[in-house]
């Protein structure tokens, strides 16, 4: 399928974050913007990244913010995920993301969990603080998910802008701590 919402919408937000960080760098904080690929094949890209960089990414000092399908109408903070076993994100990470949304003036839907695993699941299973920012439509599922209609003209660009505002605020607040 074309893959505009899943997951080029997140790549657009990553690109906007790169520009924001270039214009207003975070002092004393290293930010890695990563688009791994191979998510549908059991998150092979993220598994490879963690395997390769585990020695330089201290779980006590690393937070993973996953952006997933952020082109649907309603922005949501995913509370937990997992295919066979539901794994909740840490309360601290969820609260930091919710606080970032509030500071950015963006409303987030809370209380949703997903069995459609994201790259954050790999980080979570390896002991990293992780959280996912996603979006849904009225069916509580990403718009046009894995359908031929997952095209740029069907993205909700305003939601993508809100996702950027939340992610940018999340990075800046986490850097201050």
N, C-alpha and C. Protein backbone atom coordinates (compact mmCIF):
# COMPACT_ATOMS: atom_id res chain seq x y z
N UNK A 1 0.85 -1.19 0.00
CA UNK A 1 0.00 0.00 0.00
C UNK A 1 0.89 1.24 0.00
N UNK A 2 0.35 2.40 -0.34
CA UNK A 2 1.17 3.61 -0.41
C UNK A 2 1.85 4.00 0.91
N UNK A 3 1.21 3.82 2.05
CA UNK A 3 1.87 4.03 3.34
C UNK A 3 2.01 5.48 3.78
N UNK A 4 1.09 6.34 3.42
CA UNK A 4 1.20 7.75 3.83
C UNK A 4 0.98 7.92 5.33
N UNK A 5 -0.06 7.31 5.87
CA UNK A 5 -0.29 7.41 7.31
C UNK A 5 0.63 6.43 8.04
N UNK A 6 0.73 5.23 7.51
CA UNK A 6 1.59 4.21 8.09
C UNK A 6 2.76 3.93 7.16
N UNK A 7 3.81 4.69 7.27
CA UNK A 7 4.17 5.52 8.38
C UNK A 7 4.94 6.77 7.90
N UNK A 8 4.65 7.22 6.70
CA UNK A 8 5.31 8.43 6.21
C UNK A 8 4.88 9.67 6.99
N UNK A 9 3.71 9.63 7.62
CA UNK A 9 3.28 10.76 8.44
C UNK A 9 4.28 10.99 9.58
N UNK A 10 4.77 9.92 10.17
CA UNK A 10 5.76 10.03 11.25
C UNK A 10 7.10 10.54 10.71
N UNK A 11 7.46 10.14 9.51
CA UNK A 11 8.70 10.64 8.90
C UNK A 11 8.60 12.15 8.68
N UNK A 12 7.43 12.63 8.29
CA UNK A 12 7.24 14.08 8.13
C UNK A 12 7.43 14.79 9.46
N UNK A 13 6.90 14.22 10.53
CA UNK A 13 7.08 14.83 11.86
C UNK A 13 8.55 14.77 12.27
N UNK A 14 9.23 13.66 11.98
CA UNK A 14 10.67 13.57 12.28
C UNK A 14 11.45 14.64 11.54
N UNK A 15 11.10 14.89 10.30
CA UNK A 15 11.77 15.92 9.50
C UNK A 15 11.54 17.30 10.11
N UNK A 16 10.33 17.57 10.55
CA UNK A 16 10.04 18.85 11.21
C UNK A 16 10.81 18.96 12.53
N UNK A 17 10.94 17.86 13.26
CA UNK A 17 11.72 17.87 14.50
C UNK A 17 13.19 18.15 14.21
N UNK A 18 13.72 17.57 13.14
CA UNK A 18 15.12 17.83 12.77
C UNK A 18 15.33 19.31 12.51
N UNK A 19 14.42 19.92 11.79
CA UNK A 19 14.53 21.36 11.52
C UNK A 19 14.45 22.17 12.82
N UNK A 20 13.50 21.82 13.68
CA UNK A 20 13.34 22.52 14.95
C UNK A 20 14.59 22.39 15.81
N UNK A 21 15.16 21.21 15.86
CA UNK A 21 16.38 21.00 16.66
C UNK A 21 17.58 21.72 16.06
N UNK A 22 17.63 21.83 14.73
CA UNK A 22 18.71 22.58 14.09
C UNK A 22 18.60 24.07 14.41
N UNK A 23 17.36 24.57 14.44
CA UNK A 23 17.14 25.99 14.71
C UNK A 23 17.26 26.32 16.19
N UNK A 24 16.85 25.39 17.05
CA UNK A 24 16.89 25.59 18.50
C UNK A 24 17.45 24.32 19.15
N UNK A 25 18.77 24.13 19.10
CA UNK A 25 19.37 22.89 19.62
C UNK A 25 19.14 22.72 21.12
N UNK A 26 19.12 21.47 21.53
CA UNK A 26 19.03 21.14 22.95
C UNK A 26 20.45 21.01 23.49
N UNK A 27 20.77 21.77 24.47
CA UNK A 27 22.11 21.72 25.07
C UNK A 27 22.19 20.57 26.07
N UNK A 28 23.24 19.79 25.97
CA UNK A 28 23.49 18.73 26.93
C UNK A 28 22.63 17.49 26.75
N UNK A 29 21.93 17.41 25.63
CA UNK A 29 21.07 16.24 25.38
C UNK A 29 21.31 15.75 23.96
N UNK A 30 21.50 14.46 23.83
CA UNK A 30 21.65 13.87 22.51
C UNK A 30 20.29 13.33 22.07
N UNK A 31 19.87 13.74 20.89
CA UNK A 31 18.61 13.28 20.32
C UNK A 31 18.92 12.51 19.05
N UNK A 32 18.41 11.29 18.96
CA UNK A 32 18.54 10.49 17.76
C UNK A 32 17.17 10.43 17.09
N UNK A 33 17.09 10.89 15.87
CA UNK A 33 15.84 10.79 15.10
C UNK A 33 16.00 9.59 14.20
N UNK A 34 15.12 8.63 14.35
CA UNK A 34 15.32 7.33 13.73
C UNK A 34 14.04 6.86 13.04
N UNK A 35 14.20 6.43 11.81
CA UNK A 35 13.11 5.78 11.08
C UNK A 35 13.66 4.44 10.64
N UNK A 36 13.26 3.39 11.33
CA UNK A 36 13.92 2.10 11.17
C UNK A 36 13.47 1.26 9.99
N UNK A 37 12.21 1.32 9.63
CA UNK A 37 11.70 0.44 8.59
C UNK A 37 11.52 -0.97 9.12
N UNK A 38 10.94 -1.82 8.31
CA UNK A 38 10.72 -3.24 8.62
C UNK A 38 9.85 -3.46 9.85
N UNK A 39 8.99 -2.52 10.18
CA UNK A 39 8.13 -2.70 11.35
C UNK A 39 7.18 -3.88 11.18
N UNK A 40 6.59 -3.99 10.00
CA UNK A 40 5.61 -5.05 9.76
C UNK A 40 6.23 -6.44 9.81
N UNK A 41 7.54 -6.54 9.70
CA UNK A 41 8.20 -7.85 9.81
C UNK A 41 8.83 -7.98 11.20
N UNK A 42 7.96 -7.83 12.20
CA UNK A 42 8.34 -7.99 13.60
C UNK A 42 9.41 -7.00 14.05
N UNK A 43 9.29 -5.76 13.56
CA UNK A 43 10.14 -4.65 13.99
C UNK A 43 11.64 -4.94 13.81
N UNK A 44 11.98 -5.58 12.69
CA UNK A 44 13.38 -5.96 12.44
C UNK A 44 14.32 -4.76 12.44
N UNK A 45 13.87 -3.63 11.93
CA UNK A 45 14.72 -2.44 11.91
C UNK A 45 15.08 -1.97 13.31
N UNK A 46 14.09 -1.90 14.19
CA UNK A 46 14.33 -1.47 15.57
C UNK A 46 15.14 -2.52 16.32
N UNK A 47 14.87 -3.79 16.06
CA UNK A 47 15.67 -4.84 16.70
C UNK A 47 17.14 -4.70 16.33
N UNK A 48 17.41 -4.45 15.04
CA UNK A 48 18.78 -4.27 14.59
C UNK A 48 19.43 -3.04 15.20
N UNK A 49 18.67 -1.94 15.28
CA UNK A 49 19.21 -0.72 15.88
C UNK A 49 19.60 -0.94 17.34
N UNK A 50 18.71 -1.54 18.11
CA UNK A 50 18.99 -1.79 19.53
C UNK A 50 20.17 -2.74 19.67
N UNK A 51 20.20 -3.79 18.88
CA UNK A 51 21.33 -4.73 18.93
C UNK A 51 22.65 -4.01 18.68
N UNK A 52 22.66 -3.16 17.67
CA UNK A 52 23.91 -2.49 17.28
C UNK A 52 24.34 -1.40 18.27
N UNK A 53 23.37 -0.71 18.88
CA UNK A 53 23.69 0.46 19.70
C UNK A 53 23.44 0.28 21.19
N UNK A 54 23.08 -0.91 21.60
CA UNK A 54 22.77 -1.18 23.01
C UNK A 54 23.87 -0.70 23.96
N UNK A 55 25.11 -0.89 23.59
CA UNK A 55 26.23 -0.51 24.47
C UNK A 55 26.34 0.99 24.69
N UNK A 56 25.83 1.79 23.76
CA UNK A 56 25.95 3.24 23.90
C UNK A 56 24.64 3.92 24.31
N UNK A 57 23.58 3.13 24.50
CA UNK A 57 22.29 3.68 24.90
C UNK A 57 21.92 3.15 26.29
N UNK A 58 22.33 3.86 27.30
CA UNK A 58 22.08 3.46 28.69
C UNK A 58 20.57 3.50 28.96
N UNK A 59 19.96 2.37 29.32
CA UNK A 59 18.52 2.36 29.59
C UNK A 59 18.09 3.33 30.70
N UNK A 60 18.99 3.65 31.61
CA UNK A 60 18.65 4.59 32.68
C UNK A 60 18.65 6.04 32.22
N UNK A 61 19.21 6.29 31.04
CA UNK A 61 19.30 7.67 30.54
C UNK A 61 18.69 7.84 29.15
N UNK A 62 17.98 6.84 28.67
CA UNK A 62 17.43 6.87 27.32
C UNK A 62 15.91 6.75 27.36
N UNK A 63 15.25 7.63 26.66
CA UNK A 63 13.79 7.57 26.50
C UNK A 63 13.50 7.44 25.01
N UNK A 64 12.60 6.55 24.66
CA UNK A 64 12.20 6.34 23.27
C UNK A 64 10.78 6.87 23.09
N UNK A 65 10.63 7.83 22.18
CA UNK A 65 9.32 8.33 21.79
C UNK A 65 9.05 7.80 20.39
N UNK A 66 8.05 6.97 20.27
CA UNK A 66 7.68 6.39 18.99
C UNK A 66 6.51 7.18 18.40
N UNK A 67 6.65 7.58 17.15
CA UNK A 67 5.57 8.24 16.42
C UNK A 67 4.99 7.21 15.46
N UNK A 68 3.69 6.98 15.56
CA UNK A 68 3.07 5.91 14.78
C UNK A 68 1.77 6.40 14.16
N UNK A 69 1.69 6.35 12.84
CA UNK A 69 0.44 6.69 12.14
C UNK A 69 -0.16 7.99 12.69
N UNK A 70 0.54 9.09 12.54
CA UNK A 70 0.09 10.36 13.13
C UNK A 70 -0.71 11.21 12.14
N UNK A 71 -1.27 10.60 11.10
CA UNK A 71 -2.04 11.33 10.11
C UNK A 71 -3.54 11.11 10.15
N UNK A 72 -4.06 10.56 11.25
CA UNK A 72 -5.50 10.38 11.45
C UNK A 72 -6.04 11.57 12.24
N UNK A 73 -7.36 11.72 12.33
CA UNK A 73 -7.92 12.93 12.93
C UNK A 73 -7.66 13.15 14.42
N UNK A 74 -7.53 12.09 15.22
CA UNK A 74 -7.46 12.25 16.67
C UNK A 74 -6.13 11.74 17.21
N UNK A 75 -5.38 12.63 17.85
CA UNK A 75 -4.10 12.27 18.43
C UNK A 75 -4.33 11.50 19.73
N UNK A 76 -3.54 10.44 19.93
CA UNK A 76 -3.71 9.61 21.12
C UNK A 76 -2.37 9.22 21.72
N UNK A 77 -2.38 9.09 23.01
CA UNK A 77 -1.25 8.57 23.75
C UNK A 77 -1.56 7.09 23.97
N UNK A 78 -0.76 6.22 23.41
CA UNK A 78 -0.98 4.78 23.57
C UNK A 78 -0.50 4.40 24.97
N UNK A 79 -1.36 3.75 25.72
CA UNK A 79 -1.04 3.41 27.12
C UNK A 79 -0.23 2.13 27.25
N UNK A 80 -0.46 1.17 26.34
CA UNK A 80 0.21 -0.12 26.40
C UNK A 80 0.09 -0.78 25.03
N UNK A 81 0.96 -1.76 24.79
CA UNK A 81 0.89 -2.49 23.52
C UNK A 81 1.46 -3.88 23.67
N UNK A 82 1.16 -4.70 22.68
CA UNK A 82 1.71 -6.05 22.66
C UNK A 82 0.79 -6.99 21.91
N UNK A 83 1.39 -7.91 21.20
CA UNK A 83 0.60 -8.87 20.43
C UNK A 83 0.11 -10.02 21.30
N UNK A 84 1.00 -10.66 22.02
CA UNK A 84 0.62 -11.80 22.85
C UNK A 84 0.46 -11.41 24.31
N UNK A 85 1.22 -10.42 24.74
CA UNK A 85 1.18 -9.95 26.12
C UNK A 85 1.15 -8.43 26.10
N UNK A 86 0.18 -7.84 26.78
CA UNK A 86 0.06 -6.40 26.84
C UNK A 86 1.12 -5.85 27.78
N UNK A 87 1.92 -4.92 27.26
CA UNK A 87 2.99 -4.32 28.05
C UNK A 87 2.71 -2.83 28.20
N UNK A 88 2.43 -2.38 29.41
CA UNK A 88 2.16 -0.95 29.60
C UNK A 88 3.46 -0.14 29.53
N UNK A 89 3.33 1.06 29.00
CA UNK A 89 4.45 2.00 29.07
C UNK A 89 4.52 2.49 30.51
N UNK A 90 5.70 2.97 30.91
CA UNK A 90 5.82 3.46 32.28
C UNK A 90 4.88 4.64 32.50
N UNK A 91 4.37 4.72 33.70
CA UNK A 91 3.49 5.83 34.04
C UNK A 91 4.22 7.15 33.88
N UNK A 92 5.50 7.17 34.24
CA UNK A 92 6.28 8.40 34.13
C UNK A 92 6.37 8.87 32.68
N UNK A 93 6.65 7.95 31.75
CA UNK A 93 6.76 8.33 30.33
C UNK A 93 5.41 8.79 29.80
N UNK A 94 4.34 8.09 30.15
CA UNK A 94 3.01 8.50 29.71
C UNK A 94 2.65 9.87 30.24
N UNK A 95 2.97 10.11 31.50
CA UNK A 95 2.67 11.42 32.09
C UNK A 95 3.49 12.53 31.46
N UNK A 96 4.76 12.25 31.14
CA UNK A 96 5.59 13.27 30.48
C UNK A 96 5.04 13.62 29.10
N UNK A 97 4.55 12.61 28.38
CA UNK A 97 3.96 12.88 27.07
C UNK A 97 2.65 13.66 27.21
N UNK A 98 1.83 13.29 28.17
CA UNK A 98 0.58 14.01 28.41
C UNK A 98 0.87 15.45 28.84
N UNK A 99 1.88 15.65 29.68
CA UNK A 99 2.26 17.00 30.11
C UNK A 99 2.77 17.83 28.92
N UNK A 100 3.52 17.19 28.03
CA UNK A 100 4.01 17.89 26.84
C UNK A 100 2.85 18.34 25.97
N UNK A 101 1.85 17.47 25.81
CA UNK A 101 0.67 17.83 25.02
C UNK A 101 -0.06 19.00 25.65
N UNK A 102 -0.22 18.95 26.96
CA UNK A 102 -0.91 20.04 27.64
C UNK A 102 -0.14 21.35 27.47
N UNK A 103 1.18 21.30 27.64
CA UNK A 103 2.00 22.51 27.48
C UNK A 103 1.93 23.05 26.06
N UNK A 104 1.75 22.15 25.08
CA UNK A 104 1.64 22.57 23.68
C UNK A 104 0.21 22.96 23.31
N UNK A 105 -0.71 22.81 24.25
CA UNK A 105 -2.11 23.13 23.97
C UNK A 105 -2.81 22.13 23.06
N UNK A 106 -2.37 20.86 23.13
CA UNK A 106 -2.91 19.81 22.26
C UNK A 106 -3.65 18.78 23.11
N UNK A 107 -4.85 18.46 22.68
CA UNK A 107 -5.64 17.44 23.38
C UNK A 107 -5.23 16.05 22.88
N UNK A 108 -5.04 15.15 23.84
CA UNK A 108 -4.72 13.75 23.53
C UNK A 108 -5.82 12.85 24.08
N UNK A 109 -6.22 11.86 23.32
CA UNK A 109 -7.11 10.81 23.84
C UNK A 109 -6.24 9.87 24.65
N UNK A 110 -6.73 9.47 25.81
CA UNK A 110 -6.00 8.53 26.66
C UNK A 110 -6.83 7.27 26.84
N UNK A 111 -6.19 6.24 27.36
CA UNK A 111 -6.89 5.01 27.71
C UNK A 111 -6.86 3.92 26.66
N UNK A 112 -6.24 4.17 25.52
CA UNK A 112 -6.22 3.16 24.46
C UNK A 112 -4.96 2.31 24.53
N UNK A 113 -5.12 1.03 24.21
CA UNK A 113 -4.01 0.09 24.10
C UNK A 113 -4.10 -0.55 22.73
N UNK A 114 -2.99 -1.09 22.25
CA UNK A 114 -3.01 -1.67 20.90
C UNK A 114 -2.32 -3.02 20.86
N UNK A 115 -2.87 -3.89 20.03
CA UNK A 115 -2.22 -5.17 19.75
C UNK A 115 -1.42 -5.07 18.45
N UNK A 116 -1.50 -3.94 17.78
CA UNK A 116 -0.71 -3.69 16.57
C UNK A 116 0.62 -3.08 17.01
N UNK A 117 1.58 -3.90 17.33
CA UNK A 117 2.83 -3.48 17.96
C UNK A 117 3.59 -2.44 17.14
N UNK A 118 4.27 -1.54 17.85
CA UNK A 118 5.10 -0.51 17.25
C UNK A 118 6.57 -0.77 17.58
N UNK A 119 7.45 0.04 17.03
CA UNK A 119 8.88 -0.08 17.34
C UNK A 119 9.16 0.15 18.82
N UNK A 120 8.29 0.89 19.50
CA UNK A 120 8.50 1.14 20.93
C UNK A 120 8.48 -0.15 21.74
N UNK A 121 7.77 -1.15 21.24
CA UNK A 121 7.70 -2.42 21.97
C UNK A 121 9.09 -3.04 22.13
N UNK A 122 9.91 -2.94 21.11
CA UNK A 122 11.27 -3.49 21.19
C UNK A 122 12.07 -2.77 22.26
N UNK A 123 11.99 -1.44 22.28
CA UNK A 123 12.70 -0.66 23.30
C UNK A 123 12.17 -0.99 24.69
N UNK A 124 10.86 -1.07 24.82
CA UNK A 124 10.24 -1.38 26.10
C UNK A 124 10.70 -2.75 26.61
N UNK A 125 10.72 -3.73 25.74
CA UNK A 125 11.14 -5.08 26.13
C UNK A 125 12.63 -5.14 26.50
N UNK A 126 13.42 -4.19 26.01
CA UNK A 126 14.86 -4.16 26.32
C UNK A 126 15.17 -3.26 27.51
N UNK A 127 14.12 -2.78 28.20
CA UNK A 127 14.33 -2.02 29.44
C UNK A 127 14.41 -0.52 29.29
N UNK A 128 14.09 0.00 28.11
CA UNK A 128 14.11 1.44 27.91
C UNK A 128 12.77 2.05 28.28
N UNK A 129 12.80 3.28 28.77
CA UNK A 129 11.59 4.04 28.98
C UNK A 129 11.06 4.40 27.60
N UNK A 130 9.84 4.00 27.28
CA UNK A 130 9.30 4.21 25.94
C UNK A 130 7.84 4.61 26.02
N UNK A 131 7.39 5.31 24.98
CA UNK A 131 6.00 5.72 24.88
C UNK A 131 5.69 5.98 23.41
N UNK A 132 4.41 5.82 23.04
CA UNK A 132 4.01 6.01 21.64
C UNK A 132 2.94 7.08 21.52
N UNK A 133 3.16 7.98 20.57
CA UNK A 133 2.19 8.98 20.17
C UNK A 133 1.65 8.54 18.82
N UNK A 134 0.33 8.39 18.73
CA UNK A 134 -0.29 7.88 17.51
C UNK A 134 -1.55 8.70 17.22
N UNK A 135 -2.28 8.28 16.21
CA UNK A 135 -3.57 8.92 15.92
C UNK A 135 -4.56 7.87 15.42
N UNK A 136 -5.82 8.19 15.61
CA UNK A 136 -6.90 7.27 15.27
C UNK A 136 -8.04 8.03 14.60
N UNK A 137 -8.96 7.26 14.02
CA UNK A 137 -10.19 7.86 13.48
C UNK A 137 -11.35 7.43 14.38
N UNK A 138 -12.57 7.61 13.93
CA UNK A 138 -13.75 7.30 14.74
C UNK A 138 -13.83 5.82 15.12
N UNK A 139 -13.19 4.95 14.35
CA UNK A 139 -13.20 3.52 14.66
C UNK A 139 -12.15 3.14 15.70
N UNK A 140 -11.39 4.14 16.20
CA UNK A 140 -10.29 3.95 17.15
C UNK A 140 -9.15 3.15 16.54
N UNK A 141 -8.97 3.32 15.24
CA UNK A 141 -7.90 2.66 14.49
C UNK A 141 -7.30 3.70 13.56
N UNK A 142 -6.05 3.59 13.15
CA UNK A 142 -5.48 4.56 12.22
C UNK A 142 -6.26 4.61 10.90
N UNK A 143 -6.45 5.79 10.38
CA UNK A 143 -7.16 5.96 9.11
C UNK A 143 -6.45 5.22 7.99
N UNK A 144 -7.23 4.55 7.16
CA UNK A 144 -6.74 3.88 5.95
C UNK A 144 -5.64 2.86 6.23
N UNK A 145 -5.63 2.28 7.39
CA UNK A 145 -4.57 1.39 7.84
C UNK A 145 -4.41 0.19 6.91
N UNK A 146 -3.29 0.14 6.23
CA UNK A 146 -2.91 -0.94 5.30
C UNK A 146 -3.89 -1.10 4.13
N UNK A 147 -4.50 0.01 3.72
CA UNK A 147 -5.42 0.02 2.59
C UNK A 147 -4.80 0.82 1.44
N UNK A 148 -5.19 0.56 0.23
CA UNK A 148 -4.70 1.35 -0.91
C UNK A 148 -5.03 2.85 -0.78
N UNK A 149 -5.99 3.18 0.08
CA UNK A 149 -6.36 4.59 0.29
C UNK A 149 -5.43 5.31 1.26
N UNK A 150 -4.35 4.67 1.71
CA UNK A 150 -3.38 5.30 2.62
C UNK A 150 -2.44 6.19 1.80
N UNK A 151 -3.00 7.29 1.31
CA UNK A 151 -2.31 8.21 0.41
C UNK A 151 -2.22 9.61 1.03
N UNK A 152 -1.31 10.45 0.56
CA UNK A 152 -1.13 11.79 1.14
C UNK A 152 -2.41 12.62 1.20
N UNK A 153 -3.25 12.53 0.18
CA UNK A 153 -4.47 13.35 0.20
C UNK A 153 -5.45 12.93 1.29
N UNK A 154 -5.24 11.76 1.89
CA UNK A 154 -6.12 11.30 2.96
C UNK A 154 -5.53 11.50 4.36
N UNK A 155 -4.39 12.18 4.43
CA UNK A 155 -3.80 12.49 5.73
C UNK A 155 -4.50 13.68 6.37
N UNK A 156 -4.52 13.68 7.69
CA UNK A 156 -5.00 14.84 8.43
C UNK A 156 -3.75 15.65 8.82
N UNK A 157 -3.46 16.64 8.03
CA UNK A 157 -2.23 17.43 8.20
C UNK A 157 -2.24 18.21 9.50
N UNK A 158 -3.41 18.63 9.96
CA UNK A 158 -3.50 19.36 11.23
C UNK A 158 -3.09 18.46 12.39
N UNK A 159 -3.46 17.19 12.33
CA UNK A 159 -3.04 16.24 13.37
C UNK A 159 -1.53 16.07 13.33
N UNK A 160 -0.95 16.01 12.16
CA UNK A 160 0.50 15.88 12.04
C UNK A 160 1.19 17.09 12.65
N UNK A 161 0.63 18.28 12.45
CA UNK A 161 1.20 19.48 13.06
C UNK A 161 1.09 19.42 14.58
N UNK A 162 -0.02 18.92 15.08
CA UNK A 162 -0.17 18.76 16.54
C UNK A 162 0.81 17.71 17.07
N UNK A 163 1.01 16.64 16.32
CA UNK A 163 1.97 15.61 16.73
C UNK A 163 3.37 16.21 16.82
N UNK A 164 3.72 17.05 15.86
CA UNK A 164 5.02 17.73 15.92
C UNK A 164 5.10 18.59 17.18
N UNK A 165 4.07 19.38 17.46
CA UNK A 165 4.09 20.28 18.62
C UNK A 165 4.28 19.48 19.91
N UNK A 166 3.60 18.34 20.03
CA UNK A 166 3.73 17.51 21.22
C UNK A 166 5.12 16.89 21.31
N UNK A 167 5.60 16.34 20.21
CA UNK A 167 6.93 15.70 20.20
C UNK A 167 8.03 16.71 20.49
N UNK A 168 7.94 17.89 19.89
CA UNK A 168 8.95 18.93 20.13
C UNK A 168 8.94 19.34 21.60
N UNK A 169 7.77 19.53 22.16
CA UNK A 169 7.66 19.89 23.58
C UNK A 169 8.19 18.77 24.46
N UNK A 170 7.88 17.53 24.10
CA UNK A 170 8.36 16.36 24.86
C UNK A 170 9.88 16.34 24.90
N UNK A 171 10.52 16.57 23.75
CA UNK A 171 11.98 16.58 23.70
C UNK A 171 12.56 17.69 24.57
N UNK A 172 11.97 18.86 24.49
CA UNK A 172 12.49 20.02 25.22
C UNK A 172 12.29 19.89 26.72
N UNK A 173 11.15 19.35 27.15
CA UNK A 173 10.92 19.15 28.58
C UNK A 173 11.83 18.05 29.12
N UNK A 174 11.99 16.95 28.36
CA UNK A 174 12.86 15.88 28.82
C UNK A 174 14.32 16.32 28.89
N UNK A 175 14.73 17.20 27.99
CA UNK A 175 16.10 17.70 28.00
C UNK A 175 16.37 18.54 29.24
N UNK A 176 15.34 19.20 29.75
CA UNK A 176 15.49 20.06 30.93
C UNK A 176 15.66 19.24 32.22
N UNK A 177 15.32 17.96 32.18
CA UNK A 177 15.40 17.13 33.40
C UNK A 177 16.68 16.34 33.45
